[in-house]
Amino acid sequence: MPSREILDRLFAVEQEAQALVAAAEAEAQRRLAAAQEEGEALFKRAYEDKVSELAKRFAEFSKATSVAHEEELRAYAAALAATREDRATTFRLIGDSLGFGD
């Protein structure tokens, strides 16, 4: 019966090996899932930080542009208000450009 004992022992070793492989697979899956979750969290945090930074920069740029635009409009309005109206010269220039001045 020693051969039966040898076969039983080999079967027990095989079962232990199978259990170790299953445990290793489970641990690998757990580690992969944790790494993926951590990577996604890092990406999300970096993405949200970049979006926040760009939104802030856009708001600052938009405000600066709006202020500059308002200043230009005020300067243009002031220049128009300071301009003297000369209808005779205006009509003469229009007539000359259309070929009526000759």
N, C-alpha and C. Protein backbone atom coordinates (compact mmCIF):
# COMPACT_ATOMS: atom_id res chain seq x y z
N MET A 1 0.77 -1.20 0.00
CA MET A 1 0.00 0.00 0.00
C MET A 1 0.83 1.28 0.00
N PRO A 2 2.12 1.17 -0.02
CA PRO A 2 2.87 2.41 -0.04
C PRO A 2 2.57 3.23 -1.28
N SER A 3 2.23 2.58 -2.39
CA SER A 3 1.92 3.35 -3.60
C SER A 3 0.65 4.17 -3.41
N ARG A 4 -0.29 3.63 -2.66
CA ARG A 4 -1.52 4.40 -2.39
C ARG A 4 -1.20 5.62 -1.54
N GLU A 5 -0.34 5.47 -0.58
CA GLU A 5 0.06 6.59 0.28
C GLU A 5 0.78 7.65 -0.56
N ILE A 6 1.60 7.20 -1.48
CA ILE A 6 2.31 8.13 -2.35
C ILE A 6 1.32 8.89 -3.23
N LEU A 7 0.37 8.17 -3.79
CA LEU A 7 -0.65 8.82 -4.63
C LEU A 7 -1.49 9.80 -3.82
N ASP A 8 -1.88 9.41 -2.60
CA ASP A 8 -2.65 10.31 -1.73
C ASP A 8 -1.85 11.58 -1.42
N ARG A 9 -0.55 11.38 -1.14
CA ARG A 9 0.30 12.54 -0.83
C ARG A 9 0.45 13.44 -2.06
N LEU A 10 0.63 12.86 -3.22
CA LEU A 10 0.72 13.65 -4.46
C LEU A 10 -0.59 14.39 -4.72
N PHE A 11 -1.71 13.72 -4.45
CA PHE A 11 -3.01 14.37 -4.63
C PHE A 11 -3.15 15.54 -3.66
N ALA A 12 -2.71 15.37 -2.44
CA ALA A 12 -2.78 16.45 -1.44
C ALA A 12 -1.89 17.63 -1.86
N VAL A 13 -0.70 17.33 -2.37
CA VAL A 13 0.21 18.38 -2.83
C VAL A 13 -0.42 19.13 -4.01
N GLU A 14 -1.04 18.39 -4.92
CA GLU A 14 -1.69 19.02 -6.06
C GLU A 14 -2.83 19.92 -5.60
N GLN A 15 -3.60 19.50 -4.62
CA GLN A 15 -4.69 20.32 -4.10
C GLN A 15 -4.14 21.59 -3.44
N GLU A 16 -3.03 21.45 -2.70
CA GLU A 16 -2.41 22.62 -2.08
C GLU A 16 -1.92 23.60 -3.15
N ALA A 17 -1.32 23.06 -4.20
CA ALA A 17 -0.84 23.89 -5.29
C ALA A 17 -2.00 24.61 -5.97
N GLN A 18 -3.09 23.90 -6.17
CA GLN A 18 -4.27 24.50 -6.79
C GLN A 18 -4.83 25.61 -5.90
N ALA A 19 -4.85 25.39 -4.60
CA ALA A 19 -5.33 26.41 -3.66
C ALA A 19 -4.40 27.63 -3.68
N LEU A 20 -3.09 27.40 -3.74
CA LEU A 20 -2.13 28.51 -3.81
C LEU A 20 -2.31 29.33 -5.09
N VAL A 21 -2.51 28.64 -6.21
CA VAL A 21 -2.72 29.32 -7.48
C VAL A 21 -4.00 30.14 -7.43
N ALA A 22 -5.07 29.58 -6.87
CA ALA A 22 -6.33 30.31 -6.77
C ALA A 22 -6.18 31.53 -5.86
N ALA A 23 -5.47 31.37 -4.76
CA ALA A 23 -5.24 32.50 -3.85
C ALA A 23 -4.40 33.57 -4.54
N ALA A 24 -3.39 33.15 -5.29
CA ALA A 24 -2.55 34.11 -6.00
C ALA A 24 -3.35 34.85 -7.07
N GLU A 25 -4.21 34.15 -7.78
CA GLU A 25 -5.06 34.80 -8.79
C GLU A 25 -5.99 35.81 -8.13
N ALA A 26 -6.58 35.43 -7.00
CA ALA A 26 -7.49 36.35 -6.29
C ALA A 26 -6.73 37.58 -5.82
N GLU A 27 -5.53 37.39 -5.28
CA GLU A 27 -4.72 38.52 -4.82
C GLU A 27 -4.32 39.41 -5.99
N ALA A 28 -3.96 38.81 -7.12
CA ALA A 28 -3.59 39.60 -8.30
C ALA A 28 -4.78 40.41 -8.78
N GLN A 29 -5.95 39.82 -8.82
CA GLN A 29 -7.15 40.55 -9.23
C GLN A 29 -7.46 41.69 -8.26
N ARG A 30 -7.29 41.44 -6.97
CA ARG A 30 -7.53 42.49 -5.97
C ARG A 30 -6.55 43.64 -6.17
N ARG A 31 -5.28 43.31 -6.38
CA ARG A 31 -4.27 44.35 -6.57
C ARG A 31 -4.50 45.13 -7.87
N LEU A 32 -4.88 44.42 -8.92
CA LEU A 32 -5.18 45.11 -10.19
C LEU A 32 -6.36 46.06 -10.04
N ALA A 33 -7.39 45.60 -9.35
CA ALA A 33 -8.57 46.45 -9.15
C ALA A 33 -8.21 47.67 -8.31
N ALA A 34 -7.40 47.47 -7.27
CA ALA A 34 -7.00 48.60 -6.42
C ALA A 34 -6.14 49.58 -7.21
N ALA A 35 -5.22 49.06 -8.02
CA ALA A 35 -4.37 49.94 -8.83
C ALA A 35 -5.19 50.71 -9.85
N GLN A 36 -6.15 50.06 -10.46
CA GLN A 36 -7.00 50.73 -11.44
C GLN A 36 -7.84 51.81 -10.75
N GLU A 37 -8.38 51.49 -9.59
CA GLU A 37 -9.18 52.47 -8.85
C GLU A 37 -8.32 53.67 -8.45
N GLU A 38 -7.09 53.42 -8.00
CA GLU A 38 -6.19 54.50 -7.62
C GLU A 38 -5.81 55.34 -8.83
N GLY A 39 -5.54 54.68 -9.96
CA GLY A 39 -5.20 55.41 -11.18
C GLY A 39 -6.34 56.28 -11.65
N GLU A 40 -7.56 55.76 -11.60
CA GLU A 40 -8.72 56.54 -12.01
C GLU A 40 -8.94 57.73 -11.07
N ALA A 41 -8.72 57.52 -9.78
CA ALA A 41 -8.88 58.62 -8.82
C ALA A 41 -7.83 59.70 -9.08
N LEU A 42 -6.58 59.29 -9.35
CA LEU A 42 -5.53 60.27 -9.65
C LEU A 42 -5.85 61.04 -10.92
N PHE A 43 -6.32 60.34 -11.94
CA PHE A 43 -6.67 61.00 -13.20
C PHE A 43 -7.81 61.99 -12.97
N LYS A 44 -8.83 61.55 -12.25
CA LYS A 44 -9.99 62.43 -12.01
C LYS A 44 -9.56 63.68 -11.26
N ARG A 45 -8.71 63.50 -10.24
CA ARG A 45 -8.25 64.65 -9.46
C ARG A 45 -7.43 65.60 -10.34
N ALA A 46 -6.52 65.05 -11.15
CA ALA A 46 -5.71 65.89 -12.04
C ALA A 46 -6.58 66.59 -13.08
N TYR A 47 -7.57 65.88 -13.61
CA TYR A 47 -8.49 66.44 -14.60
C TYR A 47 -9.28 67.59 -13.99
N GLU A 48 -9.82 67.37 -12.80
CA GLU A 48 -10.63 68.41 -12.16
C GLU A 48 -9.77 69.63 -11.80
N ASP A 49 -8.53 69.38 -11.37
CA ASP A 49 -7.63 70.50 -11.07
C ASP A 49 -7.34 71.32 -12.32
N LYS A 50 -7.11 70.64 -13.44
CA LYS A 50 -6.81 71.34 -14.70
C LYS A 50 -8.04 72.12 -15.18
N VAL A 51 -9.21 71.51 -15.08
CA VAL A 51 -10.44 72.20 -15.48
C VAL A 51 -10.64 73.44 -14.62
N SER A 52 -10.42 73.31 -13.33
CA SER A 52 -10.57 74.44 -12.42
C SER A 52 -9.58 75.56 -12.77
N GLU A 53 -8.33 75.17 -13.03
CA GLU A 53 -7.31 76.16 -13.39
C GLU A 53 -7.68 76.88 -14.69
N LEU A 54 -8.10 76.11 -15.70
CA LEU A 54 -8.46 76.72 -16.99
C LEU A 54 -9.70 77.60 -16.87
N ALA A 55 -10.66 77.19 -16.06
CA ALA A 55 -11.86 78.01 -15.87
C ALA A 55 -11.49 79.33 -15.19
N LYS A 56 -10.59 79.27 -14.22
CA LYS A 56 -10.14 80.49 -13.54
C LYS A 56 -9.41 81.40 -14.51
N ARG A 57 -8.50 80.82 -15.31
CA ARG A 57 -7.76 81.63 -16.29
C ARG A 57 -8.70 82.24 -17.32
N PHE A 58 -9.70 81.48 -17.75
CA PHE A 58 -10.66 82.00 -18.72
C PHE A 58 -11.45 83.16 -18.12
N ALA A 59 -11.88 83.01 -16.87
CA ALA A 59 -12.65 84.08 -16.22
C ALA A 59 -11.79 85.35 -16.10
N GLU A 60 -10.52 85.18 -15.73
CA GLU A 60 -9.63 86.34 -15.63
C GLU A 60 -9.43 86.99 -17.00
N PHE A 61 -9.20 86.17 -18.02
CA PHE A 61 -9.00 86.69 -19.37
C PHE A 61 -10.27 87.40 -19.86
N SER A 62 -11.41 86.78 -19.62
CA SER A 62 -12.67 87.36 -20.05
C SER A 62 -12.92 88.71 -19.38
N LYS A 63 -12.62 88.79 -18.08
CA LYS A 63 -12.81 90.05 -17.35
C LYS A 63 -11.87 91.12 -17.90
N ALA A 64 -10.60 90.75 -18.12
CA ALA A 64 -9.63 91.72 -18.64
C ALA A 64 -10.04 92.18 -20.03
N THR A 65 -10.51 91.26 -20.86
CA THR A 65 -10.93 91.60 -22.21
C THR A 65 -12.15 92.52 -22.17
N SER A 66 -13.07 92.23 -21.28
CA SER A 66 -14.27 93.04 -21.16
C SER A 66 -13.92 94.47 -20.73
N VAL A 67 -13.02 94.58 -19.77
CA VAL A 67 -12.60 95.90 -19.30
C VAL A 67 -11.92 96.67 -20.44
N ALA A 68 -11.03 95.99 -21.16
CA ALA A 68 -10.34 96.65 -22.28
C ALA A 68 -11.33 97.06 -23.36
N HIS A 69 -12.30 96.22 -23.62
CA HIS A 69 -13.32 96.53 -24.63
C HIS A 69 -14.13 97.75 -24.22
N GLU A 70 -14.54 97.80 -22.96
CA GLU A 70 -15.30 98.94 -22.47
C GLU A 70 -14.48 100.23 -22.57
N GLU A 71 -13.20 100.14 -22.25
CA GLU A 71 -12.34 101.32 -22.35
C GLU A 71 -12.22 101.80 -23.79
N GLU A 72 -12.08 100.86 -24.72
CA GLU A 72 -11.99 101.24 -26.13
C GLU A 72 -13.30 101.88 -26.61
N LEU A 73 -14.42 101.33 -26.20
CA LEU A 73 -15.71 101.91 -26.59
C LEU A 73 -15.88 103.32 -26.03
N ARG A 74 -15.47 103.52 -24.78
CA ARG A 74 -15.56 104.86 -24.19
C ARG A 74 -14.65 105.84 -24.95
N ALA A 75 -13.44 105.40 -25.28
CA ALA A 75 -12.51 106.27 -26.02
C ALA A 75 -13.07 106.59 -27.40
N TYR A 76 -13.67 105.61 -28.06
CA TYR A 76 -14.25 105.83 -29.38
C TYR A 76 -15.43 106.80 -29.29
N ALA A 77 -16.27 106.60 -28.29
CA ALA A 77 -17.42 107.49 -28.11
C ALA A 77 -16.96 108.92 -27.83
N ALA A 78 -15.91 109.04 -27.03
CA ALA A 78 -15.38 110.37 -26.73
C ALA A 78 -14.79 111.01 -27.99
N ALA A 79 -14.09 110.20 -28.80
CA ALA A 79 -13.52 110.74 -30.05
C ALA A 79 -14.63 111.17 -30.99
N LEU A 80 -15.71 110.39 -31.06
CA LEU A 80 -16.84 110.78 -31.92
C LEU A 80 -17.50 112.05 -31.41
N ALA A 81 -17.65 112.14 -30.11
CA ALA A 81 -18.29 113.33 -29.54
C ALA A 81 -17.43 114.58 -29.78
N ALA A 82 -16.11 114.40 -29.80
CA ALA A 82 -15.22 115.55 -30.00
C ALA A 82 -15.06 115.92 -31.47
N THR A 83 -15.53 115.08 -32.37
CA THR A 83 -15.39 115.35 -33.79
C THR A 83 -16.45 116.36 -34.23
N ARG A 84 -16.02 117.31 -35.02
CA ARG A 84 -16.94 118.34 -35.51
C ARG A 84 -17.61 117.81 -36.78
N GLU A 85 -18.90 118.04 -36.89
CA GLU A 85 -19.65 117.57 -38.06
C GLU A 85 -19.47 118.56 -39.20
N ASP A 86 -19.04 118.05 -40.34
CA ASP A 86 -18.83 118.90 -41.52
C ASP A 86 -19.52 118.22 -42.69
N ARG A 87 -20.80 118.50 -42.84
CA ARG A 87 -21.60 117.82 -43.86
C ARG A 87 -21.15 118.17 -45.27
N ALA A 88 -20.77 119.39 -45.51
CA ALA A 88 -20.38 119.79 -46.86
C ALA A 88 -19.15 119.01 -47.32
N THR A 89 -18.17 118.89 -46.47
CA THR A 89 -16.97 118.14 -46.83
C THR A 89 -17.29 116.66 -46.99
N THR A 90 -18.15 116.15 -46.11
CA THR A 90 -18.52 114.73 -46.20
C THR A 90 -19.22 114.45 -47.52
N PHE A 91 -20.19 115.29 -47.89
CA PHE A 91 -20.91 115.07 -49.14
C PHE A 91 -19.98 115.22 -50.35
N ARG A 92 -19.04 116.15 -50.26
CA ARG A 92 -18.09 116.33 -51.36
C ARG A 92 -17.21 115.10 -51.51
N LEU A 93 -16.72 114.55 -50.40
CA LEU A 93 -15.88 113.35 -50.45
C LEU A 93 -16.66 112.15 -50.98
N ILE A 94 -17.91 112.01 -50.57
CA ILE A 94 -18.74 110.90 -51.09
C ILE A 94 -18.96 111.08 -52.59
N GLY A 95 -19.27 112.29 -52.99
CA GLY A 95 -19.47 112.57 -54.40
C GLY A 95 -18.22 112.30 -55.22
N ASP A 96 -17.06 112.72 -54.70
CA ASP A 96 -15.80 112.47 -55.39
C ASP A 96 -15.52 110.99 -55.52
N SER A 97 -15.81 110.23 -54.47
CA SER A 97 -15.52 108.78 -54.51
C SER A 97 -16.47 108.07 -55.46
N LEU A 98 -17.66 108.63 -55.70
CA LEU A 98 -18.61 108.01 -56.62
C LEU A 98 -18.47 108.58 -58.04
N GLY A 99 -17.61 109.53 -58.21
CA GLY A 99 -17.37 110.07 -59.53
C GLY A 99 -18.28 111.23 -59.89
N PHE A 100 -18.94 111.84 -58.91
CA PHE A 100 -19.83 112.97 -59.19
C PHE A 100 -19.14 114.31 -59.02
N GLY A 101 -17.90 114.30 -58.57
CA GLY A 101 -17.24 115.56 -58.26
C GLY A 101 -16.63 116.25 -59.46
N ASP A 102 -16.55 115.62 -60.57
CA ASP A 102 -15.90 116.21 -61.75
C ASP A 102 -16.74 117.21 -62.46
